[in-house]
Amino acid sequence: MRLSELAERLGLPFRGDGETLLSGISSLDEVSAGEVTYVADASRLETAKARGATALIIPRRLEPAVGLEGCNLLLAPDAKLAFARAITIFHDRPYRARGVSADLSAGKGTRLGEECSIHPRVTIGEDCEIGDRVTLHPGVVIGDRVRIGEETVIYPNVSIYDGTVIGARCRLHSGTVIGADGFSFTPDEHGRQVKLPQVGRVVIEDDVEIGANCCVDRAGFGETRLRRGSKFDNLIQIGHNVEIGEDTVVAALAGFSGGTKVGRHCIIAGQIGTNQHIEIGDRVIITARTGVTKSVESGKMIGGMMAAMDYQQWRRSHVLYTRLPEMFERLRKLEKRLNSAE
C-alpha cells in the first residue's frame, strides 16, 4: 500500500513521498523497514528513527520537531486512534461465511440468520434468534430464548444462559459465562442459606466486547445491562442488576456488586471492587485496586490503595491504623482541654 493511499483511507494529511510503499504496520518496539508505526510524543521520535520505520503517524503538534525533515509522516489529531484504524486497514479480512456445521444441535423454533459461521460442537436451545453473519466457535452453548444480533462473534466455550439478549457486532471471548444466577441468599430460622431465585435476564447492547473468563450474572428481577460500546478486559465479575454505561472501559479483575450503576465514558482500572447498590456517575476515573464503598459524582477521579512496603513496617503501620479511632478521641479531648484553658 502506498503512503498516499493510506493517508486517503485514514482521512489524514501526509508529508513525504506519497509513492512510498508500506508493507505493514507494527508497534514502535518491533517496527522495521517498510512498516508504519505511531509516535505519541517527542521523547520517542529518536527511537522511531533508530528502528527504521518507513512512515510515522504523529500528532500534528509534533510536525515542527527537529529531526523529522525528510521523514514520511501522517499527521493526526489523535495519533493512537489513527494507529488503531491503520491496523484495521492492514489486517482486516473480508467476512466469508463458513456455513453451518452438520453437527449443530439446535432446539425447536430456533432461527438462524443468513451467512452465519457455525463451527462444530455448538449447542443452541429452543426459540432462539441468531442474526445474520454471526460466528459461533466450537463449544459455544446457548440456552433457550436467546437473541443474538448480526455480526456478533462468540469465541470457544462461551456459555449463554436462557433469556439473554446480545446486540449486534459484539465480541465475547473464550470461557465467559453470561446469565448465571446472581449471588443472593438469606438465612432461614435455623441459619441455613435459602436461595433467592434469580428470574431476571442479561441484556448486552450493540458493540460490546467482553474478555476471556468473565462472568455476567442475570438479574434477580429485571435486567443486568451492559450498554452500547462498553468494553471489558479478562476476569471481570458483574453482579446481578448491575448497569454499565455507554463507552465505559473496565480493566481486568474488577468486581461489581449487585445493583451497582456505572455511568458513561468511565475509565475503571484493574482490581477495583464496588459496594452493592451504589451509583458511579459519568466520566469517572477509578484507579487500580480501589474499593468503592459509596456513590461517586460525575467527573470525579478517585483512588485509594496500600502500596507495597517492608512486611515488618507494614505490620507496625497496621497496628497504628487499628488504633486511629482511639487516638482521634484522645486528640479531640486534648483539643477541648486546650481550648478551655485558653
Foldseek 3Di string as FASTA:
>chain_A
DFQLVLCVVLVWDKDADRRQAAPEEDELVPAAARYEYEDEDPVCPVSSVVRHYQEYEYEQVCVVPPPCPRGIYTYDPGSVVSRVVSNCVRDPDDDAQPDADPQEAEEAQEDAEASDHEEPQEYAYHNEYHYYHEYEEHQEYYYYHEYAEAPEYEYHNEYEYPPEYYYYPEYEYEQEYAAAAFDDWDADPVGDTDDLAQDAHEYEYPQEYEEHNEYAHAASHYYAYEDACEYEYHAEYHGHCEYAEHNEYAYHQEYEYAQEYEYEPEYHYHQEYEDHNAYEYYHEYEDYNAHHDHHHYHPYYDYDDDDDDDPVVVVVVVVVVVCVVVVVVVVVVVVVVVVVVD
